[in-house]
Amino acid sequence: MEEFKNKTILITGGTGSFGQKFAKVILEKYNPKAVRIFSRGEYLQWEMAKKFNNDPRLRFFIGDVRDKDRLNRAMNGVDIVIHAAALKHVPIAEYNPFEAVKTNILGTTNVIDSAIDNKVKKAFLISTDKAVSPVNLYGATKLCAEKLFIQANSYSGQDGTIFSCSRYGNVIGSRGSAISLFLEQNGKVPFTITDERMTRFWITLEQGVDFVINCIEKMKGGEIFVPKIPSAKVIDIIKEINPEAEIKKIGMRPGEKMHEVLITKEEAKHTKEFDRHFVIEPEFSFWIGDEFDKGQRVAEDFCYASDSNKEWIISENINKILKETN
């Protein structure tokens, strides 16, 4: 737990759902020197400052990850960077592809360069299941961001910044999430569903933050951390919200999968399993990997997918999650 004590931490996209929750947990439990919020929106920063009662340890930087000069200034004296900034809305990224590339790929490159130049100790990327075998532009940009972050360890050198990633599924209660949409639709308009067979991985915001904190404490540089999280059919979530709900099928949208995957068969050959998570180790010369020798190698044909997952959200758990979301 000493990892964050008296340290300066910067969160890109810090006014988002993850960034705000991460800042709250770090400030309450880990006694950092400062938490810097780097984001584009002044109003969201102003709202966040009020929400945190103007905690003097919380600092706000207006800026965009596309602007390397501003990132360099914000990272001066920073110990740990959490890179959560992204354009993540699938249809919007499809319609504005150049903008998604500028933020999610070129912005990630700027974060990497700035972290190395400012001698940041650790940099951690928040990724997504949509980066695995991507079928939409958002997923493709996040896959590229993952590759950039992992290989950045070659640029930083043995004693420089170390880079790692986490990859997980749908975040319950995050801004713009499916459950937030369903709760909005409840009692007002028919629930919209693409396909009754569709499954997704689910994780709460608090679980996601706790997972990232644990990963940052353990990271050696080059790993992709994947939590063991439950699956559920999207239609089961809807039925739990309102058993009598009217459901309108709208068909699968462009760039949408029936099921999501967190670890592919191709990645299985260098994946280790632990009690509550997996670690995908890199296959590059910079990798040492001694920290994770205790893990169990997964089978060669292993694939961690939402439809074949061993763990599923049962009705009671859905109900509990919905109450927490409300």
Protein backbone atom coordinates (compact mmCIF):
# COMPACT_ATOMS: atom_id res chain seq x y z
CA MET A 1 0.00 0.00 0.00
CA GLU A 2 3.08 2.26 -0.01
CA GLU A 3 2.90 2.50 -3.81
CA PHE A 4 0.81 5.68 -3.76
CA LYS A 5 1.79 7.23 -0.43
CA ASN A 6 3.24 10.74 -0.85
CA LYS A 7 3.31 10.21 -4.63
CA THR A 8 2.05 12.52 -7.37
CA ILE A 9 -0.43 10.77 -9.64
CA LEU A 10 -1.80 12.03 -12.95
CA ILE A 11 -5.03 10.71 -14.50
CA THR A 12 -5.72 11.51 -18.15
CA GLY A 13 -9.45 11.72 -18.78
CA GLY A 14 -9.68 12.26 -15.05
CA THR A 15 -13.19 13.75 -15.00
CA GLY A 16 -14.68 10.55 -16.47
CA SER A 17 -16.42 7.90 -14.37
CA PHE A 18 -13.25 5.88 -13.83
CA GLY A 19 -11.04 8.89 -13.16
CA GLN A 20 -13.36 10.33 -10.52
CA LYS A 21 -13.76 7.00 -8.73
CA PHE A 22 -10.02 6.31 -8.88
CA ALA A 23 -9.23 9.76 -7.46
CA LYS A 24 -11.76 9.27 -4.66
CA VAL A 25 -10.31 5.91 -3.60
CA ILE A 26 -6.69 7.07 -3.81
CA LEU A 27 -7.35 10.25 -1.81
CA GLU A 28 -9.36 8.45 0.88
CA LYS A 29 -7.18 5.37 1.36
CA TYR A 30 -3.64 5.92 0.10
CA ASN A 31 -2.56 9.42 1.20
CA PRO A 32 -0.96 10.66 -2.04
CA LYS A 33 0.94 13.92 -2.25
CA ALA A 34 -1.26 15.07 -5.15
CA VAL A 35 -3.70 13.73 -7.74
CA ARG A 36 -3.62 15.67 -11.01
CA ILE A 37 -6.71 15.57 -13.22
CA PHE A 38 -5.90 16.11 -16.89
CA SER A 39 -8.95 16.63 -19.13
CA ARG A 40 -10.52 18.94 -21.70
CA GLY A 41 -13.68 20.14 -19.95
CA GLU A 42 -13.48 23.05 -17.54
CA TYR A 43 -17.09 22.63 -16.39
CA LEU A 44 -16.56 18.96 -15.49
CA GLN A 45 -13.41 19.93 -13.60
CA TRP A 46 -15.30 22.63 -11.72
CA GLU A 47 -18.05 20.14 -10.83
CA MET A 48 -15.48 17.57 -9.71
CA ALA A 49 -13.69 20.11 -7.50
CA LYS A 50 -16.99 20.86 -5.74
CA LYS A 51 -17.77 17.15 -5.39
CA PHE A 52 -14.39 16.63 -3.68
CA ASN A 53 -14.89 19.67 -1.41
CA ASN A 54 -11.93 21.41 -3.06
CA ASP A 55 -9.45 18.90 -1.61
CA PRO A 56 -6.06 20.72 -1.85
CA ARG A 57 -4.37 17.50 -2.98
CA LEU A 58 -6.55 17.47 -6.11
CA ARG A 59 -5.07 19.55 -8.95
CA PHE A 60 -6.73 20.30 -12.29
CA PHE A 61 -5.05 20.72 -15.68
CA ILE A 62 -7.09 21.76 -18.72
CA GLY A 63 -5.57 19.94 -21.66
CA ASP A 64 -5.92 17.35 -24.40
CA VAL A 65 -3.75 14.26 -24.85
CA ARG A 66 -3.32 15.41 -28.45
CA ASP A 67 -1.28 18.36 -27.10
CA LYS A 68 2.13 17.01 -26.17
CA ASP A 69 3.45 20.32 -24.83
CA ARG A 70 0.60 20.55 -22.35
CA LEU A 71 1.08 16.91 -21.33
CA ASN A 72 4.77 17.58 -20.71
CA ARG A 73 3.92 20.43 -18.38
CA ALA A 74 1.27 18.38 -16.54
CA MET A 75 3.64 15.41 -16.07
CA ASN A 76 6.47 17.40 -14.54
CA GLY A 77 7.21 15.77 -11.16
CA VAL A 78 4.65 12.98 -11.61
CA ASP A 79 5.37 9.48 -10.24
CA ILE A 80 2.46 7.47 -11.70
CA VAL A 81 0.29 8.05 -14.77
CA ILE A 82 -3.08 6.38 -15.36
CA HIS A 83 -4.07 6.83 -19.00
CA ALA A 84 -7.87 6.70 -19.14
CA ALA A 85 -8.56 9.38 -21.77
CA ALA A 86 -10.24 8.05 -24.92
CA LEU A 87 -13.00 8.60 -27.42
CA LYS A 88 -14.96 5.43 -26.61
CA HIS A 89 -18.45 5.73 -28.09
CA VAL A 90 -18.49 3.14 -30.91
CA PRO A 91 -20.90 4.83 -33.38
CA ILE A 92 -19.30 8.25 -32.86
CA ALA A 93 -15.82 6.80 -33.49
CA GLU A 94 -17.11 5.12 -36.67
CA TYR A 95 -18.50 8.44 -37.92
CA ASN A 96 -15.44 10.46 -36.87
CA PRO A 97 -12.56 8.03 -37.50
CA PHE A 98 -9.74 10.60 -37.79
CA GLU A 99 -10.71 12.11 -34.44
CA ALA A 100 -10.67 8.69 -32.75
CA VAL A 101 -7.21 8.02 -34.18
CA LYS A 102 -5.91 11.42 -33.03
CA THR A 103 -7.08 10.89 -29.44
CA ASN A 104 -6.76 7.13 -28.90
CA ILE A 105 -3.57 6.45 -30.89
CA LEU A 106 -1.65 9.70 -31.32
CA GLY A 107 -2.75 10.85 -27.86
CA THR A 108 -1.44 7.60 -26.38
CA THR A 109 1.89 8.14 -28.16
CA ASN A 110 2.08 11.60 -26.56
CA VAL A 111 1.37 10.12 -23.12
CA ILE A 112 4.18 7.59 -23.63
CA ASP A 113 6.72 10.18 -24.83
CA SER A 114 5.83 12.62 -22.04
CA ALA A 115 6.07 9.91 -19.38
CA ILE A 116 9.52 8.85 -20.58
CA ASP A 117 10.78 12.43 -20.95
CA ASN A 118 9.57 13.34 -17.45
CA LYS A 119 11.00 10.16 -15.87
CA VAL A 120 7.60 8.98 -14.62
CA LYS A 121 8.07 5.72 -12.70
CA LYS A 122 4.94 3.86 -13.85
CA ALA A 123 2.38 4.41 -16.60
CA PHE A 124 -0.78 2.31 -16.84
CA LEU A 125 -3.31 2.13 -19.69
CA ILE A 126 -7.00 1.39 -19.20
CA SER A 127 -8.08 -0.76 -22.15
CA THR A 128 -11.20 -2.71 -23.11
CA ASP A 129 -12.48 -6.06 -24.36
CA LYS A 130 -13.25 -4.31 -27.64
CA ALA A 131 -9.50 -4.17 -28.30
CA VAL A 132 -9.50 -7.97 -28.70
CA SER A 133 -10.01 -9.06 -32.33
CA PRO A 134 -11.62 -5.67 -33.00
CA VAL A 135 -14.54 -5.26 -35.39
CA ASN A 136 -14.97 -1.51 -34.94
CA LEU A 137 -12.66 1.49 -35.12
CA TYR A 138 -12.80 2.19 -31.39
CA GLY A 139 -11.59 -1.36 -30.67
CA ALA A 140 -8.88 -1.06 -33.32
CA THR A 141 -7.57 2.18 -31.82
CA LYS A 142 -7.50 0.63 -28.34
CA LEU A 143 -5.67 -2.44 -29.68
CA CYS A 144 -3.10 -0.07 -31.17
CA ALA A 145 -2.89 1.81 -27.86
CA GLU A 146 -2.21 -1.48 -26.05
CA LYS A 147 0.57 -2.40 -28.49
CA LEU A 148 2.12 1.06 -28.15
CA PHE A 149 2.05 0.91 -24.35
CA ILE A 150 3.56 -2.57 -24.14
CA GLN A 151 6.34 -1.86 -26.61
CA ALA A 152 7.05 1.52 -24.96
CA ASN A 153 9.11 -0.49 -22.45
CA SER A 154 11.71 -0.90 -25.22
CA TYR A 155 11.94 2.88 -25.60
CA SER A 156 12.20 3.70 -21.90
CA GLY A 157 15.03 1.26 -21.17
CA GLN A 158 15.75 -0.86 -18.12
CA ASP A 159 15.75 1.96 -15.57
CA GLY A 160 13.14 4.20 -17.21
CA THR A 161 9.34 4.36 -17.10
CA ILE A 162 7.59 1.00 -17.01
CA PHE A 163 4.35 0.55 -18.96
CA SER A 164 1.50 -1.95 -18.49
CA CYS A 165 -2.22 -2.27 -19.30
CA SER A 166 -5.47 -3.61 -17.93
CA ARG A 167 -8.26 -4.95 -20.11
CA TYR A 168 -11.83 -5.57 -18.90
CA GLY A 169 -15.48 -5.52 -19.97
CA ASN A 170 -18.56 -3.33 -19.59
CA VAL A 171 -18.36 -1.05 -16.57
CA ILE A 172 -21.65 -1.00 -14.67
CA GLY A 173 -22.78 2.51 -13.83
CA SER A 174 -20.16 4.33 -15.89
CA ARG A 175 -21.23 7.33 -17.93
CA GLY A 176 -22.94 6.15 -21.14
CA SER A 177 -23.00 2.48 -20.11
CA ALA A 178 -25.72 0.07 -21.28
CA ILE A 179 -27.22 -0.21 -17.79
CA SER A 180 -27.43 3.58 -17.48
CA LEU A 181 -29.31 3.61 -20.78
CA PHE A 182 -31.70 0.87 -19.64
CA LEU A 183 -32.43 2.68 -16.38
CA GLU A 184 -33.20 5.81 -18.42
CA GLN A 185 -35.54 3.87 -20.71
CA ASN A 186 -37.36 2.10 -17.88
CA GLY A 187 -41.03 3.10 -17.77
CA LYS A 188 -40.63 5.72 -20.48
CA VAL A 189 -39.91 3.98 -23.78
CA PRO A 190 -39.42 0.35 -24.87
CA PHE A 191 -36.04 -1.16 -23.95
CA THR A 192 -33.88 -1.42 -27.06
CA ILE A 193 -31.95 -4.65 -27.54
CA THR A 194 -29.91 -5.78 -30.49
CA ASP A 195 -30.09 -9.57 -30.05
CA GLU A 196 -31.44 -11.83 -27.27
CA ARG A 197 -28.39 -14.07 -27.45
CA MET A 198 -25.89 -11.26 -26.84
CA THR A 199 -23.58 -11.66 -23.82
CA ARG A 200 -21.14 -9.28 -22.18
CA PHE A 201 -18.55 -9.24 -19.39
CA TRP A 202 -19.57 -6.99 -16.49
CA ILE A 203 -17.55 -5.22 -13.81
CA THR A 204 -18.53 -2.52 -11.33
CA LEU A 205 -16.72 0.80 -11.27
CA GLU A 206 -15.38 0.08 -7.78
CA GLN A 207 -14.09 -3.35 -8.84
CA GLY A 208 -12.39 -1.79 -11.85
CA VAL A 209 -10.64 0.81 -9.71
CA ASP A 210 -9.52 -1.74 -7.10
CA PHE A 211 -8.22 -3.98 -9.87
CA VAL A 212 -6.18 -1.19 -11.46
CA ILE A 213 -4.71 -0.21 -8.07
CA ASN A 214 -3.62 -3.82 -7.46
CA CYS A 215 -2.16 -4.06 -10.97
CA ILE A 216 -0.11 -0.88 -10.55
CA GLU A 217 1.34 -2.30 -7.32
CA LYS A 218 2.31 -5.58 -9.05
CA MET A 219 3.34 -4.42 -12.53
CA LYS A 220 6.84 -5.06 -13.82
CA GLY A 221 6.25 -3.55 -17.26
CA GLY A 222 4.83 -5.16 -20.38
CA GLU A 223 1.90 -7.12 -18.92
CA ILE A 224 -1.77 -6.97 -19.79
CA PHE A 225 -3.81 -7.67 -16.67
CA VAL A 226 -7.28 -9.22 -17.12
CA PRO A 227 -9.67 -9.67 -14.16
CA LYS A 228 -11.89 -12.70 -13.73
CA ILE A 229 -15.34 -11.17 -14.05
CA PRO A 230 -18.81 -12.59 -14.64
CA SER A 231 -20.86 -12.66 -17.82
CA ALA A 232 -24.56 -12.04 -18.32
CA LYS A 233 -26.97 -11.89 -21.22
CA VAL A 234 -27.96 -8.31 -21.89
CA ILE A 235 -31.63 -9.34 -22.00
CA ASP A 236 -31.37 -10.82 -18.49
CA ILE A 237 -30.22 -7.43 -17.19
CA ILE A 238 -33.26 -5.81 -18.79
CA LYS A 239 -35.66 -8.39 -17.34
CA GLU A 240 -34.23 -7.80 -13.89
CA ILE A 241 -34.77 -4.06 -14.21
CA ASN A 242 -38.37 -4.58 -15.31
CA PRO A 243 -39.83 -8.11 -15.75
CA GLU A 244 -42.81 -6.66 -17.61
CA ALA A 245 -40.74 -4.45 -19.86
CA GLU A 246 -41.62 -3.89 -23.48
CA ILE A 247 -38.59 -4.81 -25.55
CA LYS A 248 -37.85 -3.50 -29.03
CA LYS A 249 -35.32 -5.45 -31.11
CA ILE A 250 -33.27 -3.11 -33.25
CA GLY A 251 -30.73 -5.57 -34.67
CA MET A 252 -26.96 -5.55 -34.25
CA ARG A 253 -25.33 -2.21 -34.93
CA PRO A 254 -22.32 -1.79 -37.22
CA GLY A 255 -19.15 -2.78 -35.39
CA GLU A 256 -20.96 -4.79 -32.69
CA LYS A 257 -20.16 -8.36 -31.61
CA MET A 258 -22.53 -11.02 -30.37
CA HIS A 259 -20.03 -11.96 -27.63
CA GLU A 260 -16.87 -10.30 -26.34
CA VAL A 261 -13.44 -11.85 -25.75
CA LEU A 262 -10.85 -10.79 -23.17
CA ILE A 263 -8.11 -13.32 -23.99
CA THR A 264 -7.72 -14.97 -27.40
CA LYS A 265 -6.36 -18.45 -28.13
CA GLU A 266 -3.35 -16.77 -29.71
CA GLU A 267 -2.61 -14.99 -26.42
CA ALA A 268 -3.11 -18.17 -24.36
CA LYS A 269 0.42 -19.41 -25.00
CA HIS A 270 1.85 -16.61 -22.87
CA THR A 271 -0.99 -16.20 -20.34
CA LYS A 272 -0.89 -17.17 -16.66
CA GLU A 273 -3.89 -17.68 -14.40
CA PHE A 274 -4.19 -16.55 -10.79
CA ASP A 275 -7.04 -16.76 -8.29
CA ARG A 276 -8.87 -13.63 -9.44
CA HIS A 277 -7.08 -12.52 -12.59
CA PHE A 278 -4.96 -13.44 -15.61
CA VAL A 279 -1.66 -11.93 -16.74
CA ILE A 280 -0.83 -11.85 -20.46
CA GLU A 281 2.95 -11.68 -20.59
CA PRO A 282 4.72 -10.00 -23.51
CA GLU A 283 7.01 -11.91 -25.85
CA PHE A 284 9.74 -9.31 -26.15
CA SER A 285 13.35 -9.20 -25.01
CA PHE A 286 12.74 -6.53 -22.35
CA TRP A 287 10.49 -8.91 -20.39
CA ILE A 288 11.90 -10.43 -17.18
CA GLY A 289 8.72 -11.89 -15.71
CA ASP A 290 10.08 -13.29 -12.44
CA GLU A 291 7.22 -11.71 -10.50
CA PHE A 292 4.64 -13.99 -12.08
CA ASP A 293 6.33 -17.41 -11.96
CA LYS A 294 3.75 -18.64 -9.44
CA GLY A 295 0.89 -18.34 -11.91
CA GLN A 296 -0.55 -21.38 -13.68
CA ARG A 297 -0.13 -21.54 -17.46
CA VAL A 298 -3.50 -21.75 -19.21
CA ALA A 299 -4.24 -24.45 -21.79
CA GLU A 300 -3.05 -23.83 -25.34
CA ASP A 301 -6.60 -23.63 -26.66
CA PHE A 302 -7.83 -21.39 -23.82
CA CYS A 303 -10.12 -18.51 -24.79
CA TYR A 304 -11.72 -16.18 -22.27
CA ALA A 305 -15.03 -15.22 -23.89
CA SER A 306 -18.31 -13.87 -22.48
CA ASP A 307 -20.43 -16.75 -23.87
CA SER A 308 -18.19 -19.56 -22.58
CA ASN A 309 -17.28 -17.92 -19.26
CA LYS A 310 -17.49 -20.17 -16.17
CA GLU A 311 -18.84 -17.33 -14.00
CA TRP A 312 -22.27 -15.80 -14.62
CA ILE A 313 -24.22 -13.09 -12.83
CA ILE A 314 -27.22 -14.69 -11.13
CA SER A 315 -30.51 -12.90 -10.54
CA GLU A 316 -29.74 -11.91 -6.93
CA ASN A 317 -26.45 -10.34 -7.94
CA ILE A 318 -28.04 -8.39 -10.80
CA ASN A 319 -30.55 -6.99 -8.33
CA LYS A 320 -27.80 -5.93 -5.93
CA ILE A 321 -25.81 -4.30 -8.74
CA LEU A 322 -28.84 -2.36 -9.94
CA LYS A 323 -29.50 -1.02 -6.43
CA GLU A 324 -25.87 0.13 -6.16
CA THR A 325 -26.12 1.78 -9.59
CA ASN A 326 -29.23 3.69 -8.54
